[in-house]
Amino acid sequence: MTTTMMRAVSQDRLGGPEVLQMVELERPAPGPGEVLVRVHAVGLSPTDWFHRQAPGFLARLPLVLGWDVSGVVEAVGLGVVLHGVGDEVFGMLPYPNGHGSCAEYVIAPARALVRRPAELDHVQAGALPLAALTAYQALVDTAAVQAGQRVLIHAAAGGVGHLAVQIARSLGASVIGTASAPKHDILRQLGADELIDYRDQDFEQAVRDVDVVIDAIGGDYAARSLRTLRPGGVLVSLALGNTAPMTEEAARLGVRHKLMLVEADQAGMLAVAAMVRAGALRPVIQATFPLEDAAKAHDIGEANRVTGKLVLTV
């Protein structure tokens, strides 16, 4: 391996975790407005295993997945003023087409990244961006959650969910979460006020008059969640692959239904970093894996039993 090459986790076909292979690729160079980041950690999300096995938003093979990144700026492109060589940064690459962080180096738009808070190490910082931005954009930008409101969060112990619990709590909302009973203790520690074991309770019967629902599951959860809202409430659906718009049904019930796709967002990342510094937000990390064990991490993540996040270390 020469200094102009790098290791990356690539795939040249769609399929199970076994399609992920370690390869050597030419190290990229930053263009105008871009930075080259030496990657230290990469958070994994369900969108990673989805795009590994299905075309999704990405049609071109071979491809290197990964949208989360925490690392150190190695080089800067023309006109970059926000970051300099040696800066420790974290953020989300533009979704969906800016993927590629499952590698030793990655190119990112300078304004997709912010300084890594001293309160986080690289593993913790790598776990946050995509999931935290999804939760922040759903709660703040889409639902405009206010203090005193009631927020129902499905899959509350998942990657997005456990961060949404903390963000909603920091906004002054009362938080209700759905999760299996073994995960209730950690969710109480993160700030959940009420918890529902979805295996034993029907949340549609147990919850009424909520202002906001954040749903990362989709399917029949969306229609059922509409019926838990009070008039004027909003359901924010994050599982776009299996959630149909229900504009008419929502209007009939006097509520709203929004389908949201996360976006790279410097303002959002600055807000996430500020919450970390204030002690209001921290990631729960179930496990870390070296880059070469990406297939193992995908296999575990795809089982949908993860509490918090899985992270690849580089």
C-alpha atoms as a PDB file:
ATOM      1  CA  MET A   1       0.000   0.000   0.000  1.00  0.00           C
ATOM      2  CA  THR A   2       1.413   3.391  -0.966  1.00  0.00           C
ATOM      3  CA  THR A   3       0.704   6.698   0.701  1.00  0.00           C
ATOM      4  CA  THR A   4      -1.687   7.576  -2.133  1.00  0.00           C
ATOM      5  CA  MET A   5      -3.923   4.604  -1.386  1.00  0.00           C
ATOM      6  CA  MET A   6      -6.417   3.882   1.387  1.00  0.00           C
ATOM      7  CA  ARG A   7      -8.429   0.989   2.730  1.00  0.00           C
ATOM      8  CA  ALA A   8     -12.199   1.055   2.335  1.00  0.00           C
ATOM      9  CA  VAL A   9     -15.207  -1.234   2.757  1.00  0.00           C
ATOM     10  CA  SER A  10     -16.670  -1.604  -0.717  1.00  0.00           C
ATOM     11  CA  GLN A  11     -19.225  -3.731  -2.533  1.00  0.00           C
ATOM     12  CA  ASP A  12     -19.615  -4.473  -6.212  1.00  0.00           C
ATOM     13  CA  ARG A  13     -23.019  -6.139  -5.901  1.00  0.00           C
ATOM     14  CA  LEU A  14     -26.121  -5.902  -3.754  1.00  0.00           C
ATOM     15  CA  GLY A  15     -26.833  -8.490  -1.105  1.00  0.00           C
ATOM     16  CA  GLY A  16     -26.161  -9.633   2.444  1.00  0.00           C
ATOM     17  CA  PRO A  17     -23.287  -8.575   4.687  1.00  0.00           C
ATOM     18  CA  GLU A  18     -21.005 -10.962   2.815  1.00  0.00           C
ATOM     19  CA  VAL A  19     -20.864  -8.576  -0.171  1.00  0.00           C
ATOM     20  CA  LEU A  20     -18.812  -6.115   1.902  1.00  0.00           C
ATOM     21  CA  GLN A  21     -15.110  -6.430   1.140  1.00  0.00           C
ATOM     22  CA  MET A  22     -11.950  -4.617   2.201  1.00  0.00           C
ATOM     23  CA  VAL A  23     -10.328  -3.026  -0.828  1.00  0.00           C
ATOM     24  CA  GLU A  24      -7.610  -0.516  -1.620  1.00  0.00           C
ATOM     25  CA  LEU A  25      -8.713   2.643  -3.393  1.00  0.00           C
ATOM     26  CA  GLU A  26      -6.949   5.783  -4.451  1.00  0.00           C
ATOM     27  CA  ARG A  27      -7.073   8.398  -1.728  1.00  0.00           C
ATOM     28  CA  PRO A  28      -9.325  11.287  -2.883  1.00  0.00           C
ATOM     29  CA  ALA A  29      -8.266  14.936  -3.003  1.00  0.00           C
ATOM     30  CA  PRO A  30     -10.517  17.762  -1.813  1.00  0.00           C
ATOM     31  CA  GLY A  31     -11.993  20.113  -4.395  1.00  0.00           C
ATOM     32  CA  PRO A  32     -13.169  23.693  -3.867  1.00  0.00           C
ATOM     33  CA  GLY A  33     -15.177  23.988  -0.655  1.00  0.00           C
ATOM     34  CA  GLU A  34     -14.240  20.481   0.457  1.00  0.00           C
ATOM     35  CA  VAL A  35     -12.020  18.910   3.107  1.00  0.00           C
ATOM     36  CA  LEU A  36     -10.259  15.562   3.231  1.00  0.00           C
ATOM     37  CA  VAL A  37     -10.908  13.854   6.575  1.00  0.00           C
ATOM     38  CA  ARG A  38      -8.784  11.096   8.053  1.00  0.00           C
ATOM     39  CA  VAL A  39     -11.570   8.938   9.473  1.00  0.00           C
ATOM     40  CA  HIS A  40     -11.433   7.758  13.082  1.00  0.00           C
ATOM     41  CA  ALA A  41     -14.998   6.475  13.549  1.00  0.00           C
ATOM     42  CA  VAL A  42     -18.114   5.805  11.484  1.00  0.00           C
ATOM     43  CA  GLY A  43     -21.591   5.388  12.944  1.00  0.00           C
ATOM     44  CA  LEU A  44     -23.824   2.819  11.262  1.00  0.00           C
ATOM     45  CA  SER A  45     -27.558   3.243  10.679  1.00  0.00           C
ATOM     46  CA  PRO A  46     -30.357   1.147   9.148  1.00  0.00           C
ATOM     47  CA  THR A  47     -29.912   3.077   5.912  1.00  0.00           C
ATOM     48  CA  ASP A  48     -26.501   1.393   5.577  1.00  0.00           C
ATOM     49  CA  TRP A  49     -27.884  -2.151   5.510  1.00  0.00           C
ATOM     50  CA  PHE A  50     -30.842  -1.049   3.412  1.00  0.00           C
ATOM     51  CA  HIS A  51     -28.606   0.380   0.687  1.00  0.00           C
ATOM     52  CA  ARG A  52     -26.221  -2.570   0.929  1.00  0.00           C
ATOM     53  CA  GLN A  53     -28.960  -4.927  -0.232  1.00  0.00           C
ATOM     54  CA  ALA A  54     -31.357  -2.769  -2.275  1.00  0.00           C
ATOM     55  CA  PRO A  55     -30.854  -0.031  -4.892  1.00  0.00           C
ATOM     56  CA  GLY A  56     -32.608   2.566  -2.749  1.00  0.00           C
ATOM     57  CA  PHE A  57     -31.362   6.039  -3.610  1.00  0.00           C
ATOM     58  CA  LEU A  58     -28.003   4.732  -4.857  1.00  0.00           C
ATOM     59  CA  ALA A  59     -27.862   3.129  -8.280  1.00  0.00           C
ATOM     60  CA  ARG A  60     -24.136   2.995  -9.005  1.00  0.00           C
ATOM     61  CA  LEU A  61     -21.833   0.088  -8.106  1.00  0.00           C
ATOM     62  CA  PRO A  62     -19.242  -0.410  -6.766  1.00  0.00           C
ATOM     63  CA  LEU A  63     -19.891   1.791  -3.764  1.00  0.00           C
ATOM     64  CA  VAL A  64     -18.508   2.620  -0.347  1.00  0.00           C
ATOM     65  CA  LEU A  65     -21.253   3.172   2.209  1.00  0.00           C
ATOM     66  CA  GLY A  66     -21.224   5.342   5.325  1.00  0.00           C
ATOM     67  CA  TRP A  67     -22.581   8.813   6.042  1.00  0.00           C
ATOM     68  CA  ASP A  68     -21.410   9.462   9.616  1.00  0.00           C
ATOM     69  CA  VAL A  69     -17.851  10.547  10.220  1.00  0.00           C
ATOM     70  CA  SER A  70     -15.623  11.709  13.041  1.00  0.00           C
ATOM     71  CA  GLY A  71     -12.001  12.399  12.266  1.00  0.00           C
ATOM     72  CA  VAL A  72      -9.219  14.876  11.631  1.00  0.00           C
ATOM     73  CA  VAL A  73      -8.911  17.264   8.696  1.00  0.00           C
ATOM     74  CA  GLU A  74      -6.001  16.095   6.542  1.00  0.00           C
ATOM     75  CA  ALA A  75      -6.248  18.635   3.701  1.00  0.00           C
ATOM     76  CA  VAL A  76      -8.507  21.498   2.634  1.00  0.00           C
ATOM     77  CA  GLY A  77      -9.703  22.548  -0.791  1.00  0.00           C
ATOM     78  CA  LEU A  78      -9.770  25.958  -2.387  1.00  0.00           C
ATOM     79  CA  GLY A  79     -11.728  28.577  -0.464  1.00  0.00           C
ATOM     80  CA  VAL A  80     -12.263  26.595   2.757  1.00  0.00           C
ATOM     81  CA  VAL A  81     -12.152  28.907   5.785  1.00  0.00           C
ATOM     82  CA  LEU A  82     -14.097  27.004   8.453  1.00  0.00           C
ATOM     83  CA  HIS A  83     -11.591  24.206   9.022  1.00  0.00           C
ATOM     84  CA  GLY A  84      -7.847  23.809   8.862  1.00  0.00           C
ATOM     85  CA  VAL A  85      -5.471  20.866   8.734  1.00  0.00           C
ATOM     86  CA  GLY A  86      -5.423  19.130  12.104  1.00  0.00           C
ATOM     87  CA  ASP A  87      -8.938  20.200  13.172  1.00  0.00           C
ATOM     88  CA  GLU A  88     -10.995  17.464  14.810  1.00  0.00           C
ATOM     89  CA  VAL A  89     -14.445  17.428  13.219  1.00  0.00           C
ATOM     90  CA  PHE A  90     -17.612  15.377  12.967  1.00  0.00           C
ATOM     91  CA  GLY A  91     -20.724  15.472  10.828  1.00  0.00           C
ATOM     92  CA  MET A  92     -22.910  13.774   8.258  1.00  0.00           C
ATOM     93  CA  LEU A  93     -22.016  13.547   4.590  1.00  0.00           C
ATOM     94  CA  PRO A  94     -24.748  14.833   2.243  1.00  0.00           C
ATOM     95  CA  TYR A  95     -27.543  12.276   2.176  1.00  0.00           C
ATOM     96  CA  PRO A  96     -27.996  10.189   0.135  1.00  0.00           C
ATOM     97  CA  ASN A  97     -25.318  10.685  -2.531  1.00  0.00           C
ATOM     98  CA  GLY A  98     -22.454  11.860  -0.317  1.00  0.00           C
ATOM     99  CA  HIS A  99     -21.751   8.417   1.134  1.00  0.00           C
ATOM    100  CA  GLY A 100     -18.258   6.987   1.523  1.00  0.00           C
ATOM    101  CA  SER A 101     -17.101   7.300   5.134  1.00  0.00           C
ATOM    102  CA  CYS A 102     -16.441   3.562   5.637  1.00  0.00           C
ATOM    103  CA  ALA A 103     -12.862   4.171   4.633  1.00  0.00           C
ATOM    104  CA  GLU A 104      -9.609   5.530   6.001  1.00  0.00           C
ATOM    105  CA  TYR A 105     -10.222   8.889   4.283  1.00  0.00           C
ATOM    106  CA  VAL A 106     -13.301  10.650   2.960  1.00  0.00           C
ATOM    107  CA  ILE A 107     -14.123  13.909   1.176  1.00  0.00           C
ATOM    108  CA  ALA A 108     -16.804  16.114   2.758  1.00  0.00           C
ATOM    109  CA  PRO A 109     -18.213  19.569   2.086  1.00  0.00           C
ATOM    110  CA  ALA A 110     -16.563  21.813   4.658  1.00  0.00           C
ATOM    111  CA  ARG A 111     -19.919  23.086   5.901  1.00  0.00           C
ATOM    112  CA  ALA A 112     -21.245  19.580   6.548  1.00  0.00           C
ATOM    113  CA  LEU A 113     -18.792  19.312   9.453  1.00  0.00           C
ATOM    114  CA  VAL A 114     -18.369  21.062  12.796  1.00  0.00           C
ATOM    115  CA  ARG A 115     -15.731  20.899  15.510  1.00  0.00           C
ATOM    116  CA  ARG A 116     -15.854  17.812  17.690  1.00  0.00           C
ATOM    117  CA  PRO A 117     -16.849  18.733  21.258  1.00  0.00           C
ATOM    118  CA  ALA A 118     -14.195  17.899  23.834  1.00  0.00           C
ATOM    119  CA  GLU A 119     -16.918  16.051  25.770  1.00  0.00           C
ATOM    120  CA  LEU A 120     -16.956  13.328  23.073  1.00  0.00           C
ATOM    121  CA  ASP A 121     -14.233  10.997  21.902  1.00  0.00           C
ATOM    122  CA  HIS A 122     -14.166  10.051  18.223  1.00  0.00           C
ATOM    123  CA  VAL A 123     -16.232   6.901  18.736  1.00  0.00           C
ATOM    124  CA  GLN A 124     -19.000   8.839  20.495  1.00  0.00           C
ATOM    125  CA  ALA A 125     -18.840  11.637  17.928  1.00  0.00           C
ATOM    126  CA  GLY A 126     -18.998   9.166  15.059  1.00  0.00           C
ATOM    127  CA  ALA A 127     -22.161   7.657  16.513  1.00  0.00           C
ATOM    128  CA  LEU A 128     -24.106  10.901  16.501  1.00  0.00           C
ATOM    129  CA  PRO A 129     -24.468  12.816  13.217  1.00  0.00           C
ATOM    130  CA  LEU A 130     -27.054  11.065  11.027  1.00  0.00           C
ATOM    131  CA  ALA A 131     -29.204   9.812  13.905  1.00  0.00           C
ATOM    132  CA  ALA A 132     -28.981  13.031  15.913  1.00  0.00           C
ATOM    133  CA  LEU A 133     -29.724  15.208  12.877  1.00  0.00           C
ATOM    134  CA  THR A 134     -32.712  12.996  12.032  1.00  0.00           C
ATOM    135  CA  ALA A 135     -34.083  13.403  15.544  1.00  0.00           C
ATOM    136  CA  TYR A 136     -33.333  17.131  15.658  1.00  0.00           C
ATOM    137  CA  GLN A 137     -34.847  17.873  12.257  1.00  0.00           C
ATOM    138  CA  ALA A 138     -37.932  15.804  13.082  1.00  0.00           C
ATOM    139  CA  LEU A 139     -38.538  17.398  16.476  1.00  0.00           C
ATOM    140  CA  VAL A 140     -37.382  20.975  15.910  1.00  0.00           C
ATOM    141  CA  ASP A 141     -37.625  21.764  12.199  1.00  0.00           C
ATOM    142  CA  THR A 142     -40.612  19.592  11.283  1.00  0.00           C
ATOM    143  CA  ALA A 143     -42.738  19.269  14.423  1.00  0.00           C
ATOM    144  CA  ALA A 144     -41.636  22.489  16.194  1.00  0.00           C
ATOM    145  CA  VAL A 145     -41.900  20.804  19.590  1.00  0.00           C
ATOM    146  CA  GLN A 146     -42.655  23.193  22.443  1.00  0.00           C
ATOM    147  CA  ALA A 147     -42.176  22.912  26.177  1.00  0.00           C
ATOM    148  CA  GLY A 148     -45.078  21.118  27.852  1.00  0.00           C
ATOM    149  CA  GLN A 149     -46.075  19.104  24.801  1.00  0.00           C
ATOM    150  CA  ARG A 150     -46.371  15.316  24.817  1.00  0.00           C
ATOM    151  CA  VAL A 151     -44.142  13.447  22.369  1.00  0.00           C
ATOM    152  CA  LEU A 152     -44.494   9.758  21.497  1.00  0.00           C
ATOM    153  CA  ILE A 153     -41.295   8.178  20.140  1.00  0.00           C
ATOM    154  CA  HIS A 154     -41.422   4.735  18.554  1.00  0.00           C
ATOM    155  CA  ALA A 155     -38.362   2.481  18.703  1.00  0.00           C
ATOM    156  CA  ALA A 156     -37.208   4.752  21.493  1.00  0.00           C
ATOM    157  CA  ALA A 157     -34.101   2.685  22.260  1.00  0.00           C
ATOM    158  CA  GLY A 158     -32.901   2.654  18.648  1.00  0.00           C
ATOM    159  CA  GLY A 159     -30.283   4.838  17.022  1.00  0.00           C
ATOM    160  CA  VAL A 160     -32.601   7.750  16.267  1.00  0.00           C
ATOM    161  CA  GLY A 161     -35.028   7.009  19.088  1.00  0.00           C
ATOM    162  CA  HIS A 162     -32.660   7.219  22.053  1.00  0.00           C
ATOM    163  CA  LEU A 163     -31.367  10.571  20.804  1.00  0.00           C
ATOM    164  CA  ALA A 164     -34.900  11.830  20.094  1.00  0.00           C
ATOM    165  CA  VAL A 165     -35.823  11.030  23.706  1.00  0.00           C
ATOM    166  CA  GLN A 166     -33.014  13.269  24.938  1.00  0.00           C
ATOM    167  CA  ILE A 167     -33.638  16.093  22.463  1.00  0.00           C
ATOM    168  CA  ALA A 168     -37.387  16.147  23.167  1.00  0.00           C
ATOM    169  CA  ARG A 169     -36.638  16.190  26.885  1.00  0.00           C
ATOM    170  CA  SER A 170     -34.203  19.083  26.437  1.00  0.00           C
ATOM    171  CA  LEU A 171     -36.974  21.006  24.667  1.00  0.00           C
ATOM    172  CA  GLY A 172     -39.179  20.642  27.750  1.00  0.00           C
ATOM    173  CA  ALA A 173     -41.500  18.009  26.322  1.00  0.00           C
ATOM    174  CA  SER A 174     -42.972  15.041  28.165  1.00  0.00           C
ATOM    175  CA  VAL A 175     -41.634  11.904  26.458  1.00  0.00           C
ATOM    176  CA  ILE A 176     -43.442   8.594  25.908  1.00  0.00           C
ATOM    177  CA  GLY A 177     -41.427   5.795  24.339  1.00  0.00           C
ATOM    178  CA  THR A 178     -42.210   2.389  22.877  1.00  0.00           C
ATOM    179  CA  ALA A 179     -39.529  -0.255  23.464  1.00  0.00           C
ATOM    180  CA  SER A 180     -39.189  -3.776  24.824  1.00  0.00           C
ATOM    181  CA  ALA A 181     -39.162  -4.001  28.617  1.00  0.00           C
ATOM    182  CA  PRO A 182     -35.427  -4.790  29.001  1.00  0.00           C
ATOM    183  CA  LYS A 183     -34.646  -1.401  27.461  1.00  0.00           C
ATOM    184  CA  HIS A 184     -36.882   0.633  29.766  1.00  0.00           C
ATOM    185  CA  ASP A 185     -34.284   1.299  32.455  1.00  0.00           C
ATOM    186  CA  ILE A 186     -31.828   2.969  30.115  1.00  0.00           C
ATOM    187  CA  LEU A 187     -34.622   5.010  28.532  1.00  0.00           C
ATOM    188  CA  ARG A 188     -35.658   6.273  31.955  1.00  0.00           C
ATOM    189  CA  GLN A 189     -32.048   7.307  32.527  1.00  0.00           C
ATOM    190  CA  LEU A 190     -32.150   9.202  29.225  1.00  0.00           C
ATOM    191  CA  GLY A 191     -35.276  11.100  30.277  1.00  0.00           C
ATOM    192  CA  ALA A 192     -38.349   9.150  29.130  1.00  0.00           C
ATOM    193  CA  ASP A 193     -41.387   9.856  31.320  1.00  0.00           C
ATOM    194  CA  GLU A 194     -43.610   6.954  30.211  1.00  0.00           C
ATOM    195  CA  LEU A 195     -42.684   3.677  28.553  1.00  0.00           C
ATOM    196  CA  ILE A 196     -44.766   1.127  26.685  1.00  0.00           C
ATOM    197  CA  ASP A 197     -43.648  -2.445  26.039  1.00  0.00           C
ATOM    198  CA  TYR A 198     -44.891  -2.884  22.487  1.00  0.00           C
ATOM    199  CA  ARG A 199     -44.844  -6.667  22.922  1.00  0.00           C
ATOM    200  CA  ASP A 200     -47.435  -6.611  25.708  1.00  0.00           C
ATOM    201  CA  GLN A 201     -49.318  -3.345  25.140  1.00  0.00           C
ATOM    202  CA  ASP A 202     -51.066  -1.794  22.184  1.00  0.00           C
ATOM    203  CA  PHE A 203     -49.740   1.760  22.123  1.00  0.00           C
ATOM    204  CA  GLU A 204     -52.826   2.877  20.216  1.00  0.00           C
ATOM    205  CA  GLN A 205     -54.939   1.957  23.219  1.00  0.00           C
ATOM    206  CA  ALA A 206     -52.437   3.058  25.865  1.00  0.00           C
ATOM    207  CA  VAL A 207     -51.666   6.539  24.557  1.00  0.00           C
ATOM    208  CA  ARG A 208     -53.983   9.431  23.766  1.00  0.00           C
ATOM    209  CA  ASP A 209     -53.760  13.164  23.173  1.00  0.00           C
ATOM    210  CA  VAL A 210     -50.114  13.419  22.190  1.00  0.00           C
ATOM    211  CA  ASP A 211     -48.878  16.441  20.264  1.00  0.00           C
ATOM    212  CA  VAL A 212     -46.125  14.781  18.236  1.00  0.00           C
ATOM    213  CA  VAL A 213     -45.287  11.231  17.154  1.00  0.00           C
ATOM    214  CA  ILE A 214     -41.840  10.328  15.800  1.00  0.00           C
ATOM    215  CA  ASP A 215     -42.067   7.029  13.923  1.00  0.00           C
ATOM    216  CA  ALA A 216     -38.976   5.234  12.626  1.00  0.00           C
ATOM    217  CA  ILE A 217     -40.832   1.941  12.072  1.00  0.00           C
ATOM    218  CA  GLY A 218     -43.530   2.617   9.486  1.00  0.00           C
ATOM    219  CA  GLY A 219     -46.012   0.075   8.201  1.00  0.00           C
ATOM    220  CA  ASP A 220     -49.191  -0.033  10.268  1.00  0.00           C
ATOM    221  CA  TYR A 221     -47.512   2.059  12.974  1.00  0.00           C
ATOM    222  CA  ALA A 222     -48.202   5.174  10.926  1.00  0.00           C
ATOM    223  CA  ALA A 223     -51.982   4.749  10.660  1.00  0.00           C
ATOM    224  CA  ARG A 224     -52.221   3.664  14.291  1.00  0.00           C
ATOM    225  CA  SER A 225     -50.111   6.604  15.449  1.00  0.00           C
ATOM    226  CA  LEU A 226     -52.437   9.110  13.782  1.00  0.00           C
ATOM    227  CA  ARG A 227     -55.145   8.010  16.192  1.00  0.00           C
ATOM    228  CA  THR A 228     -53.016   8.837  19.239  1.00  0.00           C
ATOM    229  CA  LEU A 229     -52.713  12.512  18.271  1.00  0.00           C
ATOM    230  CA  ARG A 230     -54.770  15.330  19.651  1.00  0.00           C
ATOM    231  CA  PRO A 231     -56.314  17.769  17.134  1.00  0.00           C
ATOM    232  CA  GLY A 232     -53.564  19.783  15.484  1.00  0.00           C
ATOM    233  CA  GLY A 233     -50.904  17.188  16.270  1.00  0.00           C
ATOM    234  CA  VAL A 234     -48.320  15.890  13.815  1.00  0.00           C
ATOM    235  CA  LEU A 235     -46.917  12.481  12.939  1.00  0.00           C
ATOM    236  CA  VAL A 236     -43.386  12.600  11.524  1.00  0.00           C
ATOM    237  CA  SER A 237     -42.574   9.418   9.599  1.00  0.00           C
ATOM    238  CA  LEU A 238     -38.908   8.528   9.093  1.00  0.00           C
ATOM    239  CA  ALA A 239     -39.235   5.060   7.526  1.00  0.00           C
ATOM    240  CA  LEU A 240     -39.959   6.296   4.026  1.00  0.00           C
ATOM    241  CA  GLY A 241     -39.486   2.927   2.372  1.00  0.00           C
ATOM    242  CA  ASN A 242     -42.563   1.422   4.011  1.00  0.00           C
ATOM    243  CA  THR A 243     -44.736   4.410   4.897  1.00  0.00           C
ATOM    244  CA  ALA A 244     -47.368   5.759   2.538  1.00  0.00           C
ATOM    245  CA  PRO A 245     -48.500   9.387   2.775  1.00  0.00           C
ATOM    246  CA  MET A 246     -51.758   9.626   4.700  1.00  0.00           C
ATOM    247  CA  THR A 247     -52.623  13.230   4.041  1.00  0.00           C
ATOM    248  CA  GLU A 248     -56.345  12.668   3.615  1.00  0.00           C
ATOM    249  CA  GLU A 249     -56.721  10.419   6.649  1.00  0.00           C
ATOM    250  CA  ALA A 250     -54.725  12.843   8.755  1.00  0.00           C
ATOM    251  CA  ALA A 251     -56.881  15.753   7.592  1.00  0.00           C
ATOM    252  CA  ARG A 252     -60.028  13.776   8.446  1.00  0.00           C
ATOM    253  CA  LEU A 253     -58.718  13.349  11.978  1.00  0.00           C
ATOM    254  CA  GLY A 254     -57.667  16.992  12.255  1.00  0.00           C
ATOM    255  CA  VAL A 255     -53.936  16.183  12.408  1.00  0.00           C
ATOM    256  CA  ARG A 256     -50.949  16.252  10.036  1.00  0.00           C
ATOM    257  CA  HIS A 257     -48.653  13.630   8.534  1.00  0.00           C
ATOM    258  CA  LYS A 258     -45.121  14.551   7.421  1.00  0.00           C
ATOM    259  CA  LEU A 259     -42.616  12.254   5.706  1.00  0.00           C
ATOM    260  CA  MET A 260     -39.093  13.448   6.460  1.00  0.00           C
ATOM    261  CA  LEU A 261     -35.692  12.639   4.959  1.00  0.00           C
ATOM    262  CA  VAL A 262     -32.619  13.733   6.900  1.00  0.00           C
ATOM    263  CA  GLU A 263     -30.343  16.329   5.308  1.00  0.00           C
ATOM    264  CA  ALA A 264     -26.766  17.392   5.952  1.00  0.00           C
ATOM    265  CA  ASP A 265     -27.173  20.524   8.033  1.00  0.00           C
ATOM    266  CA  GLN A 266     -24.468  22.657   9.594  1.00  0.00           C
ATOM    267  CA  ALA A 267     -26.921  24.573  11.796  1.00  0.00           C
ATOM    268  CA  GLY A 268     -28.347  21.301  13.035  1.00  0.00           C
ATOM    269  CA  MET A 269     -24.879  19.926  13.761  1.00  0.00           C
ATOM    270  CA  LEU A 270     -23.992  23.074  15.692  1.00  0.00           C
ATOM    271  CA  ALA A 271     -27.157  22.613  17.749  1.00  0.00           C
ATOM    272  CA  VAL A 272     -26.292  18.953  18.371  1.00  0.00           C
ATOM    273  CA  ALA A 273     -22.781  19.931  19.471  1.00  0.00           C
ATOM    274  CA  ALA A 274     -24.223  22.590  21.791  1.00  0.00           C
ATOM    275  CA  MET A 275     -26.529  20.031  23.427  1.00  0.00           C
ATOM    276  CA  VAL A 276     -23.560  17.724  23.946  1.00  0.00           C
ATOM    277  CA  ARG A 277     -21.574  20.518  25.604  1.00  0.00           C
ATOM    278  CA  ALA A 278     -24.561  21.322  27.821  1.00  0.00           C
ATOM    279  CA  GLY A 279     -24.795  17.705  28.981  1.00  0.00           C
ATOM    280  CA  ALA A 280     -28.209  17.233  27.366  1.00  0.00           C
ATOM    281  CA  LEU A 281     -27.235  14.699  24.706  1.00  0.00           C
ATOM    282  CA  ARG A 282     -25.046  11.616  24.668  1.00  0.00           C
ATOM    283  CA  PRO A 283     -24.981   8.557  22.439  1.00  0.00           C
ATOM    284  CA  VAL A 284     -25.471   5.044  23.733  1.00  0.00           C
ATOM    285  CA  ILE A 285     -23.077   2.716  21.940  1.00  0.00           C
ATOM    286  CA  GLN A 286     -23.842  -0.991  22.029  1.00  0.00           C
ATOM    287  CA  ALA A 287     -20.640  -2.121  20.312  1.00  0.00           C
ATOM    288  CA  THR A 288     -17.673  -1.030  18.219  1.00  0.00           C
ATOM    289  CA  PHE A 289     -15.994  -2.956  15.413  1.00  0.00           C
ATOM    290  CA  PRO A 290     -12.791  -2.410  13.459  1.00  0.00           C
ATOM    291  CA  LEU A 291     -13.349  -1.339   9.863  1.00  0.00           C
ATOM    292  CA  GLU A 292     -12.503  -4.793   8.544  1.00  0.00           C
ATOM    293  CA  ASP A 293     -15.395  -6.256  10.586  1.00  0.00           C
ATOM    294  CA  ALA A 294     -18.025  -4.103   8.873  1.00  0.00           C
ATOM    295  CA  ALA A 295     -19.891  -7.202   7.650  1.00  0.00           C
ATOM    296  CA  LYS A 296     -20.227  -8.461  11.224  1.00  0.00           C
ATOM    297  CA  ALA A 297     -21.539  -5.080  12.352  1.00  0.00           C
ATOM    298  CA  HIS A 298     -24.086  -5.064   9.503  1.00  0.00           C
ATOM    299  CA  ASP A 299     -25.239  -8.555  10.447  1.00  0.00           C
ATOM    300  CA  ILE A 300     -25.851  -7.502  14.055  1.00  0.00           C
ATOM    301  CA  GLY A 301     -27.501  -4.212  13.103  1.00  0.00           C
ATOM    302  CA  GLU A 302     -29.830  -5.824  10.619  1.00  0.00           C
ATOM    303  CA  ALA A 303     -31.327  -7.996  13.367  1.00  0.00           C
ATOM    304  CA  ASN A 304     -33.016  -4.839  14.746  1.00  0.00           C
ATOM    305  CA  ARG A 305     -32.080  -5.577  18.354  1.00  0.00           C
ATOM    306  CA  VAL A 306     -29.506  -2.838  18.842  1.00  0.00           C
ATOM    307  CA  THR A 307     -29.772  -0.422  21.757  1.00  0.00           C
ATOM    308  CA  GLY A 308     -28.334   2.867  20.584  1.00  0.00           C
ATOM    309  CA  LYS A 309     -25.624   2.676  17.944  1.00  0.00           C
ATOM    310  CA  LEU A 310     -22.972   0.475  16.361  1.00  0.00           C
ATOM    311  CA  VAL A 311     -19.710   2.168  15.386  1.00  0.00           C
ATOM    312  CA  LEU A 312     -16.822   1.219  13.105  1.00  0.00           C
ATOM    313  CA  THR A 313     -13.384   2.335  14.229  1.00  0.00           C
ATOM    314  CA  VAL A 314     -10.618   3.134  11.759  1.00  0.00           C
END
